[in-house]
N, C-alpha and C. Protein backbone atom coordinates (compact mmCIF):
# COMPACT_ATOMS: atom_id res chain seq x y z
N UNK A 1 99.75 62.46 199.47
CA UNK A 1 98.96 63.44 198.73
C UNK A 1 100.00 63.84 197.68
N UNK A 2 99.58 64.02 196.70
CA UNK A 2 100.42 64.52 195.48
C UNK A 2 100.04 66.05 195.33
N UNK A 3 101.07 66.71 194.50
CA UNK A 3 100.87 68.16 194.42
C UNK A 3 100.56 68.42 192.83
N UNK A 4 100.45 69.58 192.57
CA UNK A 4 100.19 70.24 191.19
C UNK A 4 101.51 70.09 190.49
N UNK A 5 102.59 70.03 191.14
CA UNK A 5 103.81 69.69 190.33
C UNK A 5 103.76 68.25 189.55
N UNK A 6 102.70 67.29 190.11
CA UNK A 6 102.44 66.21 189.18
C UNK A 6 101.36 66.37 188.33
N UNK A 7 100.29 66.87 188.89
CA UNK A 7 99.08 67.10 188.00
C UNK A 7 99.10 68.00 186.95
N UNK A 8 99.76 69.06 187.20
CA UNK A 8 99.98 69.99 185.99
C UNK A 8 101.33 70.08 185.51
N UNK A 9 102.30 69.95 186.66
CA UNK A 9 103.70 70.17 186.13
C UNK A 9 104.32 69.10 185.29
N UNK A 10 103.87 67.97 185.37
CA UNK A 10 104.40 66.85 184.57
C UNK A 10 104.40 67.06 183.07
N UNK A 11 103.52 67.93 182.74
CA UNK A 11 103.53 68.22 181.18
C UNK A 11 104.73 69.07 180.95
N UNK A 12 104.92 70.16 181.78
CA UNK A 12 105.90 71.02 181.64
C UNK A 12 107.33 70.38 181.77
N UNK A 13 107.41 69.54 182.85
CA UNK A 13 108.73 68.92 183.04
C UNK A 13 109.13 67.84 181.78
N UNK A 14 108.08 67.28 181.34
CA UNK A 14 108.30 66.54 180.06
C UNK A 14 108.75 67.31 179.08
N UNK A 15 108.34 68.59 178.70
CA UNK A 15 108.83 69.39 177.74
C UNK A 15 110.18 69.97 178.10
N UNK A 16 110.50 70.19 179.29
CA UNK A 16 111.81 70.56 179.63
C UNK A 16 112.85 69.52 179.31
N UNK A 17 112.42 68.21 179.77
CA UNK A 17 113.39 67.07 179.32
C UNK A 17 113.51 67.08 177.89
N UNK A 18 112.37 67.16 177.08
CA UNK A 18 112.70 67.01 175.81
C UNK A 18 113.48 68.13 175.25
N UNK A 19 113.35 69.26 175.54
CA UNK A 19 114.07 70.61 174.95
C UNK A 19 115.70 70.32 175.47
N UNK A 20 115.86 69.84 176.62
CA UNK A 20 117.24 69.66 177.20
C UNK A 20 117.91 68.38 176.72
N UNK A 21 117.00 67.33 176.27
CA UNK A 21 117.79 66.11 175.70
C UNK A 21 118.17 65.26 177.01
N UNK A 22 117.59 65.39 178.29
CA UNK A 22 117.90 64.61 179.33
C UNK A 22 116.91 64.53 180.40
N UNK A 23 116.98 63.63 181.40
CA UNK A 23 116.01 63.62 182.39
C UNK A 23 116.70 64.06 183.79
N UNK A 24 115.85 64.54 184.64
CA UNK A 24 116.07 64.97 185.92
C UNK A 24 116.56 63.83 186.74
N UNK A 25 117.71 64.10 187.62
CA UNK A 25 118.25 63.14 188.40
C UNK A 25 118.53 63.81 189.95
N UNK A 26 118.36 65.04 190.11
CA UNK A 26 118.32 65.41 191.23
C UNK A 26 117.57 66.70 191.35
N UNK A 27 116.66 67.11 192.37
CA UNK A 27 115.69 68.13 192.18
C UNK A 27 115.59 68.74 193.85
N UNK A 28 115.40 70.13 193.70
CA UNK A 28 115.13 70.73 195.05
C UNK A 28 113.91 71.62 194.75
N UNK A 29 113.09 71.65 195.71
CA UNK A 29 111.75 72.16 195.57
C UNK A 29 111.36 73.39 196.57
N UNK A 30 110.60 74.32 196.40
CA UNK A 30 110.23 75.34 197.14
C UNK A 30 108.73 75.99 196.79
N UNK A 31 108.12 76.00 197.83
CA UNK A 31 106.61 76.41 197.38
C UNK A 31 105.71 76.86 198.72
N UNK A 32 104.50 77.16 198.49
CA UNK A 32 103.68 77.79 199.39
C UNK A 32 102.24 77.82 198.89
N UNK A 33 101.30 77.79 199.68
CA UNK A 33 100.07 78.07 199.56
C UNK A 33 99.82 79.55 199.93
N UNK A 34 100.01 80.40 199.08
CA UNK A 34 100.33 81.74 199.28
C UNK A 34 99.04 82.73 199.13
N UNK A 35 98.16 82.33 198.31
CA UNK A 35 96.92 83.08 198.07
C UNK A 35 95.58 82.45 198.16
N UNK A 36 95.43 81.39 197.65
CA UNK A 36 94.14 80.88 197.66
C UNK A 36 93.67 80.22 199.05
N UNK A 37 94.55 80.06 199.85
CA UNK A 37 94.26 79.40 201.31
C UNK A 37 93.55 80.60 201.97
N UNK A 38 93.65 81.80 201.75
CA UNK A 38 93.05 82.96 202.44
C UNK A 38 91.68 83.25 201.89
N UNK A 39 91.23 82.76 200.81
CA UNK A 39 89.87 82.90 200.33
C UNK A 39 88.84 82.30 201.25
N UNK A 40 87.96 83.02 201.82
CA UNK A 40 86.78 82.55 202.79
C UNK A 40 85.62 81.99 202.08
N UNK A 41 85.41 82.63 200.93
CA UNK A 41 84.12 82.10 200.19
C UNK A 41 84.56 80.77 199.56
N UNK A 42 83.80 79.66 200.02
CA UNK A 42 83.93 78.35 199.67
C UNK A 42 82.56 77.65 199.25
N UNK A 43 82.57 76.45 198.49
CA UNK A 43 81.41 76.10 197.90
C UNK A 43 81.76 74.56 197.57
N UNK A 44 81.05 73.67 197.98
CA UNK A 44 80.98 72.31 197.44
C UNK A 44 80.49 72.25 195.94
N UNK A 45 81.38 72.09 194.91
CA UNK A 45 81.00 72.25 193.55
C UNK A 45 80.74 70.94 192.76
N UNK A 46 80.49 69.82 193.68
CA UNK A 46 80.28 68.63 193.06
C UNK A 46 79.17 68.42 192.24
N UNK A 47 78.02 69.51 192.38
CA UNK A 47 76.84 69.31 191.60
C UNK A 47 77.19 70.15 190.30
N UNK A 48 78.36 70.73 189.98
CA UNK A 48 78.35 71.51 188.79
C UNK A 48 79.57 71.03 188.01
N UNK A 49 79.50 71.33 186.56
CA UNK A 49 80.60 70.88 185.92
C UNK A 49 81.60 72.31 185.71
N UNK A 50 82.76 72.05 185.17
CA UNK A 50 83.63 73.37 184.83
C UNK A 50 82.95 74.42 184.31
N UNK A 51 82.25 74.28 183.34
CA UNK A 51 81.78 75.33 182.41
C UNK A 51 80.61 75.99 183.24
N UNK A 52 79.93 75.26 184.29
CA UNK A 52 78.92 76.07 185.07
C UNK A 52 79.63 77.21 186.03
N UNK A 53 80.85 77.15 186.34
CA UNK A 53 81.48 78.03 187.14
C UNK A 53 82.63 78.72 186.69
N UNK A 54 83.41 78.25 185.54
CA UNK A 54 84.52 78.91 185.11
C UNK A 54 84.26 80.19 184.48
N UNK A 55 85.07 81.25 184.81
CA UNK A 55 84.99 82.57 184.02
C UNK A 55 86.17 83.30 184.14
N UNK A 56 86.74 83.70 182.90
CA UNK A 56 88.11 84.57 182.91
C UNK A 56 87.97 85.98 183.67
N UNK A 57 86.56 86.37 183.94
CA UNK A 57 86.29 87.51 184.53
C UNK A 57 86.22 87.34 186.05
N UNK A 58 86.46 86.10 186.62
CA UNK A 58 86.57 86.05 187.99
C UNK A 58 88.00 86.29 188.51
N UNK A 59 88.23 87.57 188.50
CA UNK A 59 89.79 88.08 188.83
C UNK A 59 89.52 89.30 189.59
N UNK A 60 90.43 89.69 190.45
CA UNK A 60 91.72 88.89 190.86
C UNK A 60 91.49 87.84 191.70
N UNK A 61 92.66 87.00 191.98
CA UNK A 61 92.35 85.76 192.65
C UNK A 61 91.69 85.83 194.06
N UNK A 62 92.26 86.96 194.79
CA UNK A 62 91.74 87.25 196.07
C UNK A 62 90.17 87.55 196.13
N UNK A 63 89.59 87.82 195.02
CA UNK A 63 88.17 88.31 194.91
C UNK A 63 87.36 87.03 194.35
N UNK A 64 88.00 85.90 194.10
CA UNK A 64 87.32 84.75 193.67
C UNK A 64 86.20 84.38 194.67
N UNK A 65 85.06 83.75 194.18
CA UNK A 65 84.11 83.22 195.06
C UNK A 65 83.81 81.76 194.60
N UNK A 66 83.53 80.96 195.80
CA UNK A 66 83.01 79.58 195.74
C UNK A 66 84.06 78.51 195.29
N UNK A 67 85.37 78.79 195.57
CA UNK A 67 86.29 77.79 195.30
C UNK A 67 85.93 76.39 196.25
N UNK A 68 86.75 75.35 196.07
CA UNK A 68 86.46 74.11 196.90
C UNK A 68 86.57 74.44 198.29
N UNK A 69 85.82 73.61 199.00
CA UNK A 69 85.93 73.76 200.43
C UNK A 69 87.35 73.53 201.04
N UNK A 70 88.11 72.57 200.42
CA UNK A 70 89.33 72.17 200.90
C UNK A 70 90.38 72.53 199.76
N UNK A 71 91.18 73.35 200.22
CA UNK A 71 92.38 73.94 199.44
C UNK A 71 93.61 73.51 200.31
N UNK A 72 94.39 72.65 199.81
CA UNK A 72 95.56 72.04 200.63
C UNK A 72 96.75 71.82 199.82
N UNK A 73 96.80 72.44 198.73
CA UNK A 73 97.96 72.10 197.78
C UNK A 73 98.59 73.60 197.52
N UNK A 74 99.99 73.68 197.26
CA UNK A 74 100.45 74.84 196.95
C UNK A 74 100.05 75.46 195.95
N UNK A 75 99.81 76.93 195.77
CA UNK A 75 99.60 77.58 194.62
C UNK A 75 100.66 78.23 193.93
N UNK A 76 101.83 78.15 194.47
CA UNK A 76 103.03 78.51 193.83
C UNK A 76 104.25 77.51 194.20
N UNK A 77 104.86 77.15 193.33
CA UNK A 77 106.02 76.06 193.48
C UNK A 77 107.09 76.45 192.38
N UNK A 78 108.48 76.18 192.87
CA UNK A 78 109.57 76.24 192.18
C UNK A 78 110.55 75.06 192.29
N UNK A 79 111.06 74.75 191.26
CA UNK A 79 112.03 73.49 191.22
C UNK A 79 113.21 73.91 190.57
N UNK A 80 114.41 73.52 191.25
CA UNK A 80 115.71 73.45 190.68
C UNK A 80 116.14 72.10 190.28
N UNK A 81 116.65 71.86 188.93
CA UNK A 81 116.83 70.35 188.73
C UNK A 81 118.22 70.29 187.89
N UNK A 82 118.78 69.16 188.21
CA UNK A 82 120.06 68.76 187.55
C UNK A 82 119.77 67.51 186.93
N UNK A 83 120.07 67.55 185.33
CA UNK A 83 119.63 66.47 184.65
C UNK A 83 120.78 65.48 184.35
N UNK A 84 120.61 64.31 183.75
CA UNK A 84 121.57 63.38 183.82
C UNK A 84 122.73 63.69 182.64
N UNK A 85 122.51 64.67 181.80
CA UNK A 85 123.41 65.12 180.88
C UNK A 85 124.25 66.50 181.26
N UNK A 86 123.98 66.96 182.71
CA UNK A 86 124.60 67.94 183.12
C UNK A 86 123.95 69.20 182.97
N UNK A 87 122.80 69.38 182.25
CA UNK A 87 121.88 70.53 182.10
C UNK A 87 121.25 71.02 183.40
N UNK A 88 121.29 72.22 183.72
CA UNK A 88 120.75 72.86 184.88
C UNK A 88 119.37 73.40 184.32
N UNK A 89 118.22 73.14 185.03
CA UNK A 89 117.02 73.73 184.67
C UNK A 89 116.14 74.17 185.77
N UNK A 90 115.27 75.21 185.74
CA UNK A 90 114.37 75.71 186.75
C UNK A 90 113.11 75.64 186.16
N UNK A 91 112.17 75.67 187.27
CA UNK A 91 110.76 75.51 186.79
C UNK A 91 109.87 76.17 187.84
N UNK A 92 109.04 77.12 187.32
CA UNK A 92 108.01 77.76 188.32
C UNK A 92 106.63 77.67 187.85
N UNK A 93 105.86 77.42 188.77
CA UNK A 93 104.46 77.14 188.48
C UNK A 93 103.61 78.10 189.45
N UNK A 94 103.00 78.96 188.82
CA UNK A 94 102.15 79.89 189.60
C UNK A 94 100.69 79.97 189.11
N UNK A 95 99.80 79.73 190.13
CA UNK A 95 98.52 79.56 189.89
C UNK A 95 97.54 80.85 190.08
N UNK A 96 98.26 81.98 190.45
CA UNK A 96 97.49 83.14 190.66
C UNK A 96 98.01 84.20 189.62
N UNK A 97 98.69 83.84 188.57
CA UNK A 97 99.24 84.77 187.49
C UNK A 97 98.07 84.98 186.60
N UNK A 98 98.00 86.25 186.10
CA UNK A 98 96.93 86.55 185.10
C UNK A 98 97.01 85.87 183.76
N UNK A 99 98.13 85.55 183.50
CA UNK A 99 98.48 84.84 181.95
C UNK A 99 98.19 83.50 182.06
N UNK A 100 97.55 82.80 180.93
CA UNK A 100 97.16 81.54 180.97
C UNK A 100 97.94 80.80 179.81
N UNK A 101 99.21 80.71 179.95
CA UNK A 101 99.94 80.06 178.91
C UNK A 101 101.33 79.74 179.43
N UNK A 102 101.96 78.76 178.79
CA UNK A 102 103.42 78.23 179.14
C UNK A 102 104.34 79.03 178.51
N UNK A 103 105.29 79.37 179.32
CA UNK A 103 106.50 80.04 178.77
C UNK A 103 107.70 79.28 179.08
N UNK A 104 108.57 79.14 178.07
CA UNK A 104 109.74 78.42 178.11
C UNK A 104 110.87 79.16 177.57
N UNK A 105 111.98 79.31 178.37
CA UNK A 105 113.21 80.02 177.91
C UNK A 105 114.30 79.06 177.98
N UNK A 106 115.05 79.04 177.05
CA UNK A 106 116.35 78.24 176.79
C UNK A 106 117.41 79.09 176.57
N UNK A 107 118.62 79.06 177.34
CA UNK A 107 119.76 79.70 177.41
C UNK A 107 120.96 78.87 177.23
N UNK A 108 121.68 79.06 176.25
CA UNK A 108 123.08 78.41 175.99
C UNK A 108 124.12 79.05 175.40
N UNK A 109 125.13 78.39 175.03
CA UNK A 109 126.27 79.21 174.64
C UNK A 109 126.28 79.76 173.35
N UNK A 110 125.15 79.34 172.49
CA UNK A 110 124.81 79.90 171.18
C UNK A 110 123.74 80.93 171.11
N UNK A 111 123.12 81.12 172.33
CA UNK A 111 122.02 82.13 172.28
C UNK A 111 120.73 81.84 173.35
N UNK A 112 119.63 82.42 173.05
CA UNK A 112 118.49 82.35 173.96
C UNK A 112 117.33 82.27 173.05
N UNK A 113 116.32 81.64 173.52
CA UNK A 113 114.97 81.52 172.83
C UNK A 113 114.05 81.60 173.88
N UNK A 114 112.88 82.17 173.76
CA UNK A 114 111.77 82.33 174.64
C UNK A 114 110.55 82.48 173.80
N UNK A 115 109.53 81.80 174.07
CA UNK A 115 108.19 81.94 173.46
C UNK A 115 107.44 82.94 174.12
N UNK A 116 106.73 83.71 173.44
CA UNK A 116 105.63 84.58 174.01
C UNK A 116 104.19 84.10 173.41
N UNK A 117 103.69 83.46 174.46
CA UNK A 117 102.29 82.63 174.12
C UNK A 117 102.83 81.28 173.56
N UNK A 118 101.78 80.26 173.65
CA UNK A 118 101.96 79.01 173.22
C UNK A 118 100.87 78.60 172.22
N UNK A 119 100.25 79.35 171.66
CA UNK A 119 99.06 78.97 170.71
C UNK A 119 99.46 79.26 169.42
N UNK A 120 98.74 78.64 168.30
CA UNK A 120 99.03 79.01 166.92
C UNK A 120 98.93 80.44 166.53
N UNK A 121 100.11 81.10 165.86
CA UNK A 121 100.16 82.37 165.83
C UNK A 121 101.11 83.22 166.65
N UNK A 122 101.32 82.55 167.94
CA UNK A 122 102.19 83.27 168.77
C UNK A 122 103.61 83.16 168.47
N UNK A 123 104.53 83.78 169.12
CA UNK A 123 105.72 83.97 168.54
C UNK A 123 106.98 83.49 169.44
N UNK A 124 108.03 82.82 168.94
CA UNK A 124 109.16 82.52 169.61
C UNK A 124 110.34 83.53 169.13
N UNK A 125 110.97 83.89 170.15
CA UNK A 125 111.93 85.02 170.02
C UNK A 125 113.17 84.36 170.11
N UNK A 126 114.26 84.63 169.31
CA UNK A 126 115.76 83.90 169.44
C UNK A 126 116.55 85.10 169.23
N UNK A 127 117.55 84.97 170.18
CA UNK A 127 118.73 85.95 170.22
C UNK A 127 120.08 85.26 169.91
N UNK A 128 120.81 85.70 169.00
CA UNK A 128 122.10 84.88 168.81
C UNK A 128 123.16 85.99 168.80
N UNK A 129 123.10 87.11 169.28
CA UNK A 129 123.97 88.02 169.55
C UNK A 129 123.66 88.89 170.85
N UNK A 130 124.75 89.53 171.26
CA UNK A 130 124.42 90.37 172.57
C UNK A 130 123.48 91.56 172.26
N UNK A 131 122.62 91.72 173.40
CA UNK A 131 121.55 92.76 173.34
C UNK A 131 121.58 93.40 174.53
N UNK A 132 121.16 94.56 174.50
CA UNK A 132 120.86 95.27 175.97
C UNK A 132 119.27 95.53 176.11
N UNK A 133 118.51 95.00 175.09
CA UNK A 133 116.96 95.04 175.28
C UNK A 133 116.42 93.88 174.61
N UNK A 134 115.18 93.36 175.24
CA UNK A 134 114.66 92.24 174.55
C UNK A 134 113.77 92.62 173.30
N UNK A 135 113.61 93.91 173.08
CA UNK A 135 112.73 94.29 171.95
C UNK A 135 112.94 94.00 170.53
N UNK A 136 114.37 93.53 170.36
CA UNK A 136 114.69 93.34 169.09
C UNK A 136 115.39 92.02 168.92
N UNK A 137 114.56 90.93 169.02
CA UNK A 137 115.36 89.50 168.71
C UNK A 137 116.09 89.55 167.25
N UNK A 138 116.99 88.45 167.29
CA UNK A 138 117.65 88.40 166.00
C UNK A 138 116.76 87.58 165.01
N UNK A 139 115.84 86.96 165.54
CA UNK A 139 114.99 86.04 164.75
C UNK A 139 113.72 85.63 165.40
N UNK A 140 112.50 85.67 164.69
CA UNK A 140 111.36 85.19 165.25
C UNK A 140 110.80 84.02 164.58
N UNK A 141 110.21 83.14 165.27
CA UNK A 141 109.43 82.07 164.48
C UNK A 141 108.01 82.14 164.93
N UNK A 142 107.03 81.88 164.05
CA UNK A 142 105.61 81.90 164.52
C UNK A 142 105.23 80.44 164.63
N UNK A 143 104.61 80.35 165.88
CA UNK A 143 103.97 78.93 166.13
C UNK A 143 102.85 78.70 165.19
N UNK A 144 103.04 77.42 164.55
CA UNK A 144 101.94 76.88 163.47
C UNK A 144 100.72 76.50 164.35
N UNK A 145 99.67 77.11 163.59
CA UNK A 145 98.35 76.52 164.25
C UNK A 145 98.05 75.12 163.81
N UNK A 146 97.48 74.38 164.73
CA UNK A 146 97.06 73.00 164.50
C UNK A 146 95.62 72.80 164.67
N UNK A 147 95.03 71.94 164.08
CA UNK A 147 93.58 71.57 164.36
C UNK A 147 93.66 70.54 165.59
N UNK A 148 92.59 70.81 166.45
CA UNK A 148 92.50 69.96 167.52
C UNK A 148 92.70 70.51 168.79
N UNK A 149 92.37 69.86 169.80
CA UNK A 149 92.34 70.35 171.24
C UNK A 149 94.09 70.15 171.74
N UNK A 150 94.44 71.00 172.68
CA UNK A 150 95.71 70.93 173.18
C UNK A 150 96.67 71.23 172.05
N UNK A 151 96.39 72.20 171.26
CA UNK A 151 97.34 72.69 170.24
C UNK A 151 97.52 71.77 169.14
N UNK A 152 96.48 70.71 168.94
CA UNK A 152 96.69 69.77 168.05
C UNK A 152 97.15 68.50 168.55
N UNK A 153 97.64 68.24 169.89
CA UNK A 153 98.41 67.11 170.31
C UNK A 153 97.34 66.16 170.57
N UNK A 154 96.11 66.45 171.10
CA UNK A 154 95.29 65.21 171.22
C UNK A 154 94.90 64.30 170.23
N UNK A 155 94.64 64.75 168.90
CA UNK A 155 94.36 63.82 167.75
C UNK A 155 95.42 63.05 167.44
N UNK A 156 96.77 63.58 167.67
CA UNK A 156 97.96 62.76 167.23
C UNK A 156 98.18 61.83 168.25
N UNK A 157 97.86 62.24 169.61
CA UNK A 157 98.11 61.10 170.68
C UNK A 157 97.14 59.82 170.31
N UNK A 158 95.88 60.19 170.09
CA UNK A 158 94.84 59.24 169.90
C UNK A 158 95.40 58.25 168.57
N UNK A 159 95.71 59.06 167.51
CA UNK A 159 96.10 58.49 166.38
C UNK A 159 97.27 57.43 166.61
N UNK A 160 98.27 57.95 167.39
CA UNK A 160 99.50 57.00 167.45
C UNK A 160 99.23 55.86 168.33
N UNK A 161 98.10 56.09 169.29
CA UNK A 161 97.87 54.88 170.23
C UNK A 161 97.12 53.82 169.47
N UNK A 162 96.19 54.21 168.60
CA UNK A 162 95.39 53.34 167.73
C UNK A 162 96.38 52.62 166.63
N UNK A 163 97.36 53.29 166.19
CA UNK A 163 98.38 52.68 165.26
C UNK A 163 99.17 51.56 166.07
N UNK A 164 99.49 51.96 167.30
CA UNK A 164 100.34 50.98 168.10
C UNK A 164 99.42 49.80 168.49
N UNK A 165 98.21 50.03 168.80
CA UNK A 165 97.47 48.83 169.11
C UNK A 165 97.17 47.99 167.93
N UNK A 166 97.09 48.53 166.69
CA UNK A 166 96.81 47.88 165.54
C UNK A 166 98.08 47.05 165.10
N UNK A 167 99.20 47.72 164.98
CA UNK A 167 100.43 47.28 164.36
C UNK A 167 101.64 47.25 165.25
N UNK A 168 101.60 47.76 166.38
CA UNK A 168 102.79 47.75 167.30
C UNK A 168 104.08 48.56 166.60
N UNK A 169 105.22 48.38 167.20
CA UNK A 169 106.29 49.15 166.59
C UNK A 169 106.70 50.18 167.57
N UNK A 170 107.61 51.03 167.09
CA UNK A 170 108.10 52.12 167.89
C UNK A 170 107.02 53.29 167.93
N UNK A 171 107.04 54.06 168.93
CA UNK A 171 106.16 55.24 169.08
C UNK A 171 106.95 56.42 169.22
N UNK A 172 106.55 57.59 168.91
CA UNK A 172 107.01 58.90 168.99
C UNK A 172 106.85 59.32 170.65
N UNK A 173 105.87 58.93 171.34
CA UNK A 173 105.62 59.12 172.60
C UNK A 173 106.21 58.01 173.38
N UNK A 174 106.58 58.27 174.69
CA UNK A 174 107.38 57.33 175.30
C UNK A 174 107.00 57.13 176.69
N UNK A 175 106.65 55.89 177.25
CA UNK A 175 106.27 55.68 178.47
C UNK A 175 107.67 56.09 179.55
N UNK A 176 108.72 55.85 178.96
CA UNK A 176 109.89 56.13 179.75
C UNK A 176 109.83 57.67 180.11
N UNK A 177 109.75 58.46 178.95
CA UNK A 177 109.70 59.95 179.19
C UNK A 177 108.67 60.34 180.18
N UNK A 178 107.52 59.72 179.90
CA UNK A 178 106.24 59.98 180.85
C UNK A 178 106.59 59.60 182.48
N UNK A 179 107.33 58.45 182.55
CA UNK A 179 107.65 58.12 183.94
C UNK A 179 108.54 59.17 184.43
N UNK A 180 109.70 59.52 183.80
CA UNK A 180 110.63 60.51 184.05
C UNK A 180 110.03 61.84 184.51
N UNK A 181 108.91 62.28 183.89
CA UNK A 181 108.44 63.51 184.15
C UNK A 181 107.52 63.36 185.46
N UNK A 182 106.95 62.33 185.59
CA UNK A 182 106.05 62.10 186.89
C UNK A 182 107.06 61.99 188.13
N UNK A 183 108.22 61.16 187.96
CA UNK A 183 109.19 61.11 188.91
C UNK A 183 109.63 62.37 189.39
N UNK A 184 110.02 63.17 188.44
CA UNK A 184 110.52 64.52 188.75
C UNK A 184 109.70 65.44 189.51
N UNK A 185 108.26 65.24 189.13
CA UNK A 185 107.14 66.05 189.89
C UNK A 185 107.01 65.56 191.26
N UNK A 186 107.02 64.17 191.47
CA UNK A 186 106.81 63.71 192.71
C UNK A 186 108.02 63.94 193.66
N UNK A 187 109.20 63.92 193.19
CA UNK A 187 110.37 64.19 193.85
C UNK A 187 110.57 65.63 194.29
N UNK A 188 110.08 66.62 193.34
CA UNK A 188 109.99 68.09 193.65
C UNK A 188 109.15 68.36 194.78
N UNK A 189 107.78 67.54 194.75
CA UNK A 189 106.93 67.72 195.96
C UNK A 189 107.56 67.27 197.20
N UNK A 190 108.21 66.06 197.25
CA UNK A 190 108.92 65.64 198.33
C UNK A 190 109.84 66.61 198.89
N UNK A 191 110.69 67.36 198.14
CA UNK A 191 111.59 68.13 198.50
C UNK A 191 110.99 69.38 199.11
N UNK A 192 109.86 69.93 198.35
CA UNK A 192 109.11 71.09 198.87
C UNK A 192 108.62 70.91 200.18
N UNK A 193 108.15 69.72 200.34
CA UNK A 193 107.55 69.47 201.72
C UNK A 193 108.57 68.86 202.73
N UNK A 194 109.74 68.81 202.65
CA UNK A 194 110.63 68.34 203.51
C UNK A 194 111.73 69.39 203.78
N UNK A 195 111.46 70.60 203.65
CA UNK A 195 112.43 71.69 203.84
C UNK A 195 113.34 72.03 202.90
N UNK A 196 112.86 71.67 201.63
CA UNK A 196 113.62 71.93 200.44
C UNK A 196 114.96 71.06 200.40
N UNK A 197 115.05 70.02 201.00
CA UNK A 197 116.28 69.05 201.10
C UNK A 197 116.21 68.64 199.49
N UNK A 198 117.47 68.40 199.00
CA UNK A 198 117.48 67.68 197.52
C UNK A 198 116.91 66.26 197.59
N UNK A 199 116.27 65.89 196.57
CA UNK A 199 115.91 64.48 196.40
C UNK A 199 116.48 63.95 195.09
N UNK A 200 117.11 62.86 194.99
CA UNK A 200 117.42 62.08 193.78
C UNK A 200 116.38 61.49 193.14
N UNK A 201 116.39 61.30 191.80
CA UNK A 201 115.47 60.59 191.12
C UNK A 201 116.20 59.46 190.62
N UNK A 202 115.87 58.26 190.90
CA UNK A 202 116.65 57.07 190.39
C UNK A 202 116.32 56.73 188.91
N UNK A 203 117.27 56.31 188.14
CA UNK A 203 117.03 56.02 186.70
C UNK A 203 116.35 54.59 186.75
N UNK A 204 115.67 54.36 185.55
CA UNK A 204 115.05 53.24 185.31
C UNK A 204 115.99 52.07 185.02
N UNK A 205 115.58 50.96 185.18
CA UNK A 205 116.34 49.67 184.78
C UNK A 205 116.61 49.55 183.08
N UNK A 206 117.86 49.47 182.84
CA UNK A 206 118.25 49.68 181.47
C UNK A 206 117.50 48.71 180.58
N UNK A 207 116.99 47.65 181.06
CA UNK A 207 116.28 46.63 180.34
C UNK A 207 115.02 47.17 180.18
N UNK A 208 114.47 47.78 180.96
CA UNK A 208 113.07 48.39 180.89
C UNK A 208 113.04 49.40 179.78
N UNK A 209 114.04 50.31 179.83
CA UNK A 209 114.17 51.39 178.85
C UNK A 209 114.41 50.68 177.40
N UNK A 210 115.13 49.81 177.44
CA UNK A 210 115.44 49.23 176.08
C UNK A 210 114.09 48.56 175.64
N UNK A 211 113.32 48.10 176.37
CA UNK A 211 112.11 47.24 176.17
C UNK A 211 111.09 48.36 175.25
N UNK A 212 111.00 49.61 175.74
CA UNK A 212 110.17 50.63 175.11
C UNK A 212 110.88 51.39 174.05
N UNK A 213 112.18 51.44 174.04
CA UNK A 213 113.01 51.90 172.95
C UNK A 213 112.71 51.12 171.61
N UNK A 214 112.80 49.89 171.80
CA UNK A 214 112.69 48.98 170.69
C UNK A 214 111.34 49.01 170.03
N UNK A 215 110.34 49.20 170.83
CA UNK A 215 108.85 49.32 170.38
C UNK A 215 108.30 47.96 170.28
N UNK A 216 108.23 47.18 171.44
CA UNK A 216 107.67 45.99 171.36
C UNK A 216 106.41 45.66 170.97
N UNK A 217 106.07 44.43 170.24
CA UNK A 217 104.78 44.03 169.74
C UNK A 217 104.33 42.91 170.63
N UNK A 218 105.15 42.66 171.66
CA UNK A 218 104.58 41.34 172.53
C UNK A 218 103.36 41.90 173.47
N UNK A 219 102.66 40.88 173.71
CA UNK A 219 101.69 41.14 174.58
C UNK A 219 102.03 41.01 176.07
N UNK A 220 101.55 41.79 177.01
CA UNK A 220 101.77 41.68 178.30
C UNK A 220 102.95 42.70 178.82
N UNK A 221 103.14 42.79 180.05
CA UNK A 221 104.03 44.00 180.39
C UNK A 221 105.64 43.35 180.31
N UNK A 222 106.51 44.25 180.43
CA UNK A 222 107.94 43.85 180.45
C UNK A 222 108.11 42.87 181.45
N UNK A 223 109.15 42.02 181.68
CA UNK A 223 109.52 41.13 182.58
C UNK A 223 110.02 41.64 183.85
N UNK A 224 110.59 42.68 183.80
CA UNK A 224 111.16 43.45 185.01
C UNK A 224 110.69 44.88 185.07
N UNK A 225 110.20 44.98 186.43
CA UNK A 225 109.56 46.49 186.72
C UNK A 225 110.57 47.55 186.55
N UNK A 226 111.68 47.54 187.20
CA UNK A 226 112.64 48.41 187.16
C UNK A 226 112.39 49.83 187.68
N UNK A 227 111.38 50.00 188.50
CA UNK A 227 111.07 51.21 189.07
C UNK A 227 111.06 51.04 190.60
């Protein structure tokens, strides 16, 4: 059984890899089913779609009604990661927090940046000098609004896929990056469920990585699996 570190976390882990410029090679996980397992109101919702039951007013979590009869995955998970370029990263996924947006914080020897919201019009705060308060960042950047679902990402993904299907060549999206995000999420779940023992993520075969970096136009899969 997989976890929400894969189903939901793969997106965030992919962004962390992109921001850090490297891929996870060792991960330690910790988590629990801390809240939703205690809810006694349950219902088989197979006869309804998401919009039949979803409501932002269904709050707080312990007062929710009619969740799935089986809840057997963690509702809070934390990962500590060491990337192949030496970067250390942490990730927390909490499913009973009231905010519904992703928050990324990057800290280095040149400063710190952190987004407050992740939609068009929300703000990224940047600190490049020492401060005793978060109220006055040195710079702010407004997130540009994009047309389309998932912040404009979906139409771009579809357009790139169709371009590759018609013409081939290199792509901005990467099957290698996708695999690395999935592998980190799966390894994190393994660690979480085995007493938080560190789990190594094996790198892909260099020939396979090269195959996708070139942007092949050949039909069929690469000759070596490498996973």
